[in-house]
N, C-alpha and C. Protein backbone atom coordinates (compact mmCIF):
# COMPACT_ATOMS: atom_id res chain seq x y z
N MET A 1 -46.75 -18.43 26.38
CA MET A 1 -46.98 -17.47 27.42
C MET A 1 -48.28 -16.72 27.21
N ALA A 2 -48.69 -16.58 25.97
CA ALA A 2 -49.90 -15.83 25.70
C ALA A 2 -51.14 -16.50 26.27
N ALA A 3 -51.07 -17.80 26.53
CA ALA A 3 -52.22 -18.53 27.06
C ALA A 3 -52.27 -18.53 28.59
N LEU A 4 -51.24 -18.04 29.23
CA LEU A 4 -51.20 -18.07 30.69
C LEU A 4 -52.09 -17.00 31.31
N PRO A 5 -52.70 -17.31 32.45
CA PRO A 5 -53.40 -16.27 33.21
C PRO A 5 -52.37 -15.24 33.69
N ALA A 6 -52.82 -14.02 33.95
CA ALA A 6 -51.91 -12.91 34.28
C ALA A 6 -50.98 -13.23 35.45
N ASP A 7 -51.51 -13.83 36.52
CA ASP A 7 -50.66 -14.11 37.69
C ASP A 7 -49.59 -15.15 37.37
N GLU A 8 -49.94 -16.16 36.57
CA GLU A 8 -48.96 -17.17 36.20
C GLU A 8 -47.92 -16.61 35.22
N LEU A 9 -48.35 -15.73 34.32
CA LEU A 9 -47.43 -15.08 33.40
C LEU A 9 -46.37 -14.31 34.17
N GLU A 10 -46.78 -13.54 35.17
CA GLU A 10 -45.83 -12.76 35.97
C GLU A 10 -44.85 -13.68 36.68
N LYS A 11 -45.34 -14.81 37.18
CA LYS A 11 -44.47 -15.78 37.86
C LYS A 11 -43.42 -16.34 36.91
N VAL A 12 -43.85 -16.72 35.70
CA VAL A 12 -42.92 -17.27 34.70
C VAL A 12 -41.89 -16.22 34.28
N LEU A 13 -42.35 -14.99 34.07
CA LEU A 13 -41.42 -13.93 33.65
C LEU A 13 -40.43 -13.55 34.74
N ALA A 14 -40.77 -13.82 36.00
CA ALA A 14 -39.87 -13.50 37.11
C ALA A 14 -38.75 -14.53 37.24
N GLU A 15 -38.93 -15.71 36.63
CA GLU A 15 -37.91 -16.76 36.69
C GLU A 15 -36.72 -16.37 35.82
N PRO A 16 -35.50 -16.69 36.27
CA PRO A 16 -34.34 -16.42 35.43
C PRO A 16 -34.35 -17.30 34.18
N SER A 17 -33.78 -16.81 33.12
CA SER A 17 -33.72 -17.56 31.86
C SER A 17 -32.84 -18.78 32.02
N ARG A 18 -33.28 -19.89 31.49
CA ARG A 18 -32.46 -21.11 31.51
C ARG A 18 -31.40 -21.08 30.42
N SER A 19 -31.59 -20.21 29.43
CA SER A 19 -30.65 -20.15 28.31
C SER A 19 -29.36 -19.42 28.68
N GLY A 20 -29.43 -18.58 29.68
CA GLY A 20 -28.27 -17.76 30.02
C GLY A 20 -28.14 -16.52 29.17
N LEU A 21 -29.03 -16.37 28.17
CA LEU A 21 -28.99 -15.19 27.30
C LEU A 21 -29.83 -14.06 27.90
N THR A 22 -29.37 -12.85 27.71
CA THR A 22 -30.14 -11.69 28.11
C THR A 22 -30.89 -11.20 26.88
N PRO A 23 -32.23 -11.17 26.95
CA PRO A 23 -33.00 -10.73 25.78
C PRO A 23 -32.62 -9.31 25.35
N CYS A 24 -32.71 -9.07 24.05
CA CYS A 24 -32.42 -7.74 23.50
C CYS A 24 -33.60 -6.79 23.70
N TRP A 25 -34.78 -7.33 23.85
CA TRP A 25 -36.02 -6.54 23.95
C TRP A 25 -36.47 -6.49 25.40
N HIS A 26 -36.70 -5.31 25.90
CA HIS A 26 -37.12 -5.11 27.28
C HIS A 26 -38.39 -4.25 27.29
N PRO A 27 -39.54 -4.86 26.97
CA PRO A 27 -40.77 -4.07 26.89
C PRO A 27 -41.28 -3.67 28.27
N ASP A 28 -41.98 -2.54 28.32
CA ASP A 28 -42.68 -2.23 29.57
C ASP A 28 -43.93 -3.11 29.59
N PRO A 29 -44.59 -3.23 30.75
CA PRO A 29 -45.76 -4.13 30.84
C PRO A 29 -46.85 -3.83 29.81
N GLY A 30 -47.10 -2.58 29.51
CA GLY A 30 -48.13 -2.23 28.53
C GLY A 30 -47.78 -2.72 27.14
N GLU A 31 -46.52 -2.53 26.74
CA GLU A 31 -46.07 -2.99 25.42
C GLU A 31 -46.11 -4.52 25.34
N ARG A 32 -45.64 -5.17 26.40
CA ARG A 32 -45.68 -6.64 26.45
C ARG A 32 -47.10 -7.16 26.33
N ASP A 33 -48.04 -6.56 27.07
CA ASP A 33 -49.43 -7.00 27.04
C ASP A 33 -50.05 -6.80 25.66
N ALA A 34 -49.68 -5.71 24.98
CA ALA A 34 -50.18 -5.46 23.62
C ALA A 34 -49.68 -6.53 22.66
N VAL A 35 -48.41 -6.90 22.77
CA VAL A 35 -47.86 -7.94 21.90
C VAL A 35 -48.53 -9.28 22.19
N LEU A 36 -48.75 -9.59 23.46
CA LEU A 36 -49.42 -10.86 23.80
C LEU A 36 -50.85 -10.90 23.28
N ARG A 37 -51.54 -9.77 23.27
CA ARG A 37 -52.89 -9.72 22.68
C ARG A 37 -52.83 -10.03 21.18
N GLU A 38 -51.83 -9.46 20.49
CA GLU A 38 -51.65 -9.74 19.06
C GLU A 38 -51.36 -11.22 18.83
N VAL A 39 -50.51 -11.80 19.66
CA VAL A 39 -50.16 -13.22 19.53
C VAL A 39 -51.40 -14.08 19.73
N ARG A 40 -52.19 -13.78 20.74
CA ARG A 40 -53.42 -14.55 20.98
C ARG A 40 -54.36 -14.46 19.78
N ALA A 41 -54.51 -13.28 19.23
CA ALA A 41 -55.43 -13.08 18.10
C ALA A 41 -54.92 -13.80 16.85
N ARG A 42 -53.61 -13.77 16.61
CA ARG A 42 -53.02 -14.36 15.41
C ARG A 42 -52.87 -15.88 15.54
N GLY A 43 -52.59 -16.34 16.76
CA GLY A 43 -52.43 -17.77 16.99
C GLY A 43 -50.99 -18.25 16.95
N TRP A 44 -50.03 -17.38 16.75
CA TRP A 44 -48.62 -17.74 16.76
C TRP A 44 -47.78 -16.50 17.05
N ALA A 45 -46.53 -16.72 17.44
CA ALA A 45 -45.63 -15.63 17.79
C ALA A 45 -44.42 -15.61 16.87
N LEU A 46 -43.92 -14.44 16.59
CA LEU A 46 -42.70 -14.25 15.80
C LEU A 46 -41.81 -13.28 16.56
N THR A 47 -40.55 -13.66 16.74
CA THR A 47 -39.56 -12.73 17.25
C THR A 47 -38.53 -12.51 16.15
N ASP A 48 -38.13 -11.28 15.98
CA ASP A 48 -37.16 -10.92 14.96
C ASP A 48 -35.99 -10.24 15.65
N GLU A 49 -35.10 -11.05 16.19
CA GLU A 49 -33.91 -10.62 16.91
C GLU A 49 -34.22 -9.94 18.24
N GLN A 50 -35.45 -10.08 18.77
CA GLN A 50 -35.74 -9.52 20.09
C GLN A 50 -35.12 -10.35 21.20
N LEU A 51 -35.02 -11.66 20.98
CA LEU A 51 -34.47 -12.53 22.02
C LEU A 51 -32.95 -12.59 21.98
N ALA A 52 -32.39 -12.66 20.78
CA ALA A 52 -30.93 -12.73 20.64
C ALA A 52 -30.56 -12.19 19.27
N PRO A 53 -29.44 -11.48 19.17
CA PRO A 53 -29.02 -10.96 17.86
C PRO A 53 -28.85 -12.10 16.86
N GLY A 54 -29.38 -11.89 15.65
CA GLY A 54 -29.20 -12.85 14.58
C GLY A 54 -30.19 -14.00 14.57
N ILE A 55 -31.13 -14.03 15.51
CA ILE A 55 -32.06 -15.16 15.61
C ILE A 55 -33.49 -14.70 15.38
N ARG A 56 -34.15 -15.38 14.44
CA ARG A 56 -35.60 -15.22 14.25
C ARG A 56 -36.24 -16.50 14.76
N SER A 57 -37.39 -16.36 15.39
CA SER A 57 -38.04 -17.50 16.01
C SER A 57 -39.54 -17.40 15.81
N VAL A 58 -40.18 -18.53 15.55
CA VAL A 58 -41.64 -18.59 15.48
C VAL A 58 -42.10 -19.68 16.44
N ALA A 59 -43.27 -19.47 17.04
CA ALA A 59 -43.82 -20.45 17.98
C ALA A 59 -45.33 -20.51 17.82
N ALA A 60 -45.86 -21.71 18.01
CA ALA A 60 -47.31 -21.91 17.96
C ALA A 60 -47.68 -22.81 19.14
N PRO A 61 -48.86 -22.58 19.72
CA PRO A 61 -49.27 -23.40 20.87
C PRO A 61 -49.69 -24.80 20.44
N MET A 62 -49.45 -25.76 21.31
CA MET A 62 -49.97 -27.11 21.14
C MET A 62 -51.04 -27.30 22.20
N ARG A 63 -52.20 -27.78 21.78
CA ARG A 63 -53.34 -27.91 22.68
C ARG A 63 -53.72 -29.37 22.88
N ASP A 64 -54.30 -29.67 24.04
CA ASP A 64 -54.80 -31.02 24.28
C ASP A 64 -56.19 -31.15 23.66
N GLY A 65 -56.82 -32.28 23.85
CA GLY A 65 -58.12 -32.54 23.26
C GLY A 65 -59.20 -31.57 23.69
N SER A 66 -59.02 -30.92 24.85
CA SER A 66 -60.02 -29.97 25.33
C SER A 66 -59.72 -28.54 24.89
N GLY A 67 -58.62 -28.35 24.17
CA GLY A 67 -58.27 -27.02 23.69
C GLY A 67 -57.32 -26.25 24.58
N GLN A 68 -56.92 -26.84 25.71
CA GLN A 68 -55.99 -26.17 26.63
C GLN A 68 -54.57 -26.24 26.09
N VAL A 69 -53.84 -25.13 26.16
CA VAL A 69 -52.44 -25.10 25.73
C VAL A 69 -51.62 -25.89 26.73
N ILE A 70 -50.86 -26.87 26.21
CA ILE A 70 -50.02 -27.69 27.09
C ILE A 70 -48.53 -27.57 26.75
N ALA A 71 -48.23 -27.00 25.60
CA ALA A 71 -46.84 -26.85 25.18
C ALA A 71 -46.81 -25.89 24.00
N ALA A 72 -45.62 -25.62 23.50
CA ALA A 72 -45.48 -24.79 22.32
C ALA A 72 -44.43 -25.41 21.40
N LEU A 73 -44.64 -25.24 20.12
CA LEU A 73 -43.69 -25.66 19.11
C LEU A 73 -42.93 -24.42 18.68
N ASN A 74 -41.60 -24.47 18.73
CA ASN A 74 -40.77 -23.31 18.40
C ASN A 74 -39.73 -23.71 17.39
N VAL A 75 -39.52 -22.84 16.39
CA VAL A 75 -38.49 -23.07 15.38
C VAL A 75 -37.68 -21.78 15.25
N ASN A 76 -36.35 -21.93 15.21
CA ASN A 76 -35.45 -20.79 15.08
C ASN A 76 -34.72 -20.84 13.75
N CYS A 77 -34.33 -19.68 13.26
CA CYS A 77 -33.47 -19.62 12.08
C CYS A 77 -32.54 -18.41 12.24
N HIS A 78 -31.49 -18.40 11.45
CA HIS A 78 -30.55 -17.28 11.50
C HIS A 78 -31.09 -16.15 10.64
N ALA A 79 -31.11 -14.96 11.19
CA ALA A 79 -31.69 -13.79 10.51
C ALA A 79 -30.93 -13.44 9.23
N ALA A 80 -29.64 -13.68 9.20
CA ALA A 80 -28.87 -13.33 8.00
C ALA A 80 -29.22 -14.22 6.82
N GLY A 81 -29.70 -15.43 7.09
CA GLY A 81 -29.99 -16.36 6.00
C GLY A 81 -31.45 -16.47 5.62
N THR A 82 -32.34 -15.89 6.42
CA THR A 82 -33.78 -16.04 6.17
C THR A 82 -34.48 -14.72 6.46
N SER A 83 -35.16 -14.19 5.46
CA SER A 83 -35.90 -12.94 5.68
C SER A 83 -37.16 -13.21 6.49
N VAL A 84 -37.78 -12.15 6.95
CA VAL A 84 -38.95 -12.27 7.83
C VAL A 84 -40.15 -12.87 7.11
N GLU A 85 -40.37 -12.54 5.84
CA GLU A 85 -41.59 -12.99 5.15
C GLU A 85 -41.74 -14.51 5.08
N PRO A 86 -40.71 -15.26 4.68
CA PRO A 86 -40.88 -16.72 4.69
C PRO A 86 -41.11 -17.28 6.10
N VAL A 87 -40.51 -16.63 7.09
CA VAL A 87 -40.71 -17.07 8.48
C VAL A 87 -42.16 -16.85 8.89
N ARG A 88 -42.72 -15.70 8.52
CA ARG A 88 -44.14 -15.44 8.81
C ARG A 88 -45.04 -16.48 8.13
N GLY A 89 -44.75 -16.79 6.87
CA GLY A 89 -45.54 -17.78 6.15
C GLY A 89 -45.44 -19.15 6.79
N ALA A 90 -44.24 -19.53 7.20
CA ALA A 90 -44.04 -20.82 7.87
C ALA A 90 -44.75 -20.84 9.21
N ALA A 91 -44.72 -19.70 9.92
CA ALA A 91 -45.39 -19.63 11.22
C ALA A 91 -46.88 -19.82 11.06
N TYR A 92 -47.46 -19.17 10.06
CA TYR A 92 -48.90 -19.32 9.82
C TYR A 92 -49.23 -20.77 9.49
N ALA A 93 -48.47 -21.37 8.58
CA ALA A 93 -48.73 -22.75 8.19
C ALA A 93 -48.53 -23.70 9.37
N SER A 94 -47.49 -23.47 10.16
CA SER A 94 -47.23 -24.32 11.31
C SER A 94 -48.34 -24.22 12.35
N SER A 95 -48.85 -23.01 12.55
CA SER A 95 -49.91 -22.85 13.55
C SER A 95 -51.16 -23.59 13.11
N ARG A 96 -51.44 -23.62 11.80
CA ARG A 96 -52.60 -24.36 11.31
C ARG A 96 -52.38 -25.86 11.50
N LEU A 97 -51.14 -26.32 11.27
CA LEU A 97 -50.80 -27.73 11.46
C LEU A 97 -50.94 -28.10 12.93
N VAL A 98 -50.37 -27.28 13.81
CA VAL A 98 -50.42 -27.55 15.24
C VAL A 98 -51.86 -27.52 15.72
N ASP A 99 -52.69 -26.63 15.18
CA ASP A 99 -54.11 -26.60 15.55
C ASP A 99 -54.78 -27.94 15.29
N GLY A 100 -54.31 -28.66 14.28
CA GLY A 100 -54.92 -29.93 13.93
C GLY A 100 -54.45 -31.10 14.77
N ILE A 101 -53.43 -30.90 15.59
CA ILE A 101 -52.90 -31.97 16.42
C ILE A 101 -53.62 -31.97 17.76
N GLN A 102 -54.15 -33.10 18.14
CA GLN A 102 -54.77 -33.23 19.45
C GLN A 102 -53.92 -34.19 20.27
N ILE A 103 -53.54 -33.75 21.43
CA ILE A 103 -52.72 -34.58 22.30
C ILE A 103 -53.64 -35.12 23.38
N GLU A 104 -53.92 -36.40 23.32
CA GLU A 104 -54.87 -37.03 24.23
C GLU A 104 -54.17 -37.45 25.52
N GLY A 105 -54.88 -37.34 26.62
CA GLY A 105 -54.41 -37.86 27.89
C GLY A 105 -53.26 -37.09 28.51
N CYS A 106 -53.04 -35.86 28.10
CA CYS A 106 -51.95 -35.07 28.65
C CYS A 106 -52.47 -34.17 29.76
N GLY A 107 -51.85 -34.25 30.89
CA GLY A 107 -52.22 -33.41 32.02
C GLY A 107 -51.10 -32.46 32.37
N PRO A 108 -51.21 -31.80 33.52
CA PRO A 108 -50.20 -30.81 33.95
C PRO A 108 -48.79 -31.36 34.03
N GLU A 109 -48.65 -32.66 34.34
CA GLU A 109 -47.31 -33.23 34.45
C GLU A 109 -46.58 -33.20 33.11
N VAL A 110 -47.32 -33.32 32.00
CA VAL A 110 -46.70 -33.24 30.68
C VAL A 110 -46.21 -31.83 30.42
N LEU A 111 -47.03 -30.85 30.74
CA LEU A 111 -46.63 -29.46 30.56
C LEU A 111 -45.38 -29.16 31.37
N GLU A 112 -45.32 -29.62 32.61
CA GLU A 112 -44.14 -29.36 33.43
C GLU A 112 -42.91 -30.03 32.84
N SER A 113 -43.04 -31.25 32.31
CA SER A 113 -41.88 -31.91 31.74
C SER A 113 -41.41 -31.18 30.48
N VAL A 114 -42.33 -30.60 29.72
CA VAL A 114 -41.96 -29.83 28.54
C VAL A 114 -41.23 -28.57 28.96
N ARG A 115 -41.71 -27.90 30.01
CA ARG A 115 -41.06 -26.68 30.47
C ARG A 115 -39.63 -26.92 30.90
N ILE A 116 -39.36 -28.04 31.55
CA ILE A 116 -38.02 -28.27 32.05
C ILE A 116 -37.17 -29.04 31.06
N GLY A 117 -37.74 -29.38 29.91
CA GLY A 117 -36.98 -30.03 28.86
C GLY A 117 -36.75 -31.50 29.10
N ALA A 118 -37.59 -32.14 29.90
CA ALA A 118 -37.43 -33.57 30.20
C ALA A 118 -37.84 -34.42 29.02
């Protein structure tokens, strides 16, 4: 989401969740934008039970050969079994790994299939 233009971000956020879960975190637009700026600068995202109780999640963007974000790699773990520090370390390492992957010949149709889980 951090790579989306503002108008597309608002459109995506207006869609109902496919998971059926109600997020625990409800930021105002200013707080959300500040977090997205941090994510862009760092190159990966970490949630610590903001999406669902007991779940920590890290995500890193996957880019095509031109550098455009076409998908994201996400890994979840249970908060009771894994502290935040190893998750942060794994997120950093994963983002460096994902940075090294180039996906050739992927266009918008690939991104759409990833979004819908096809």
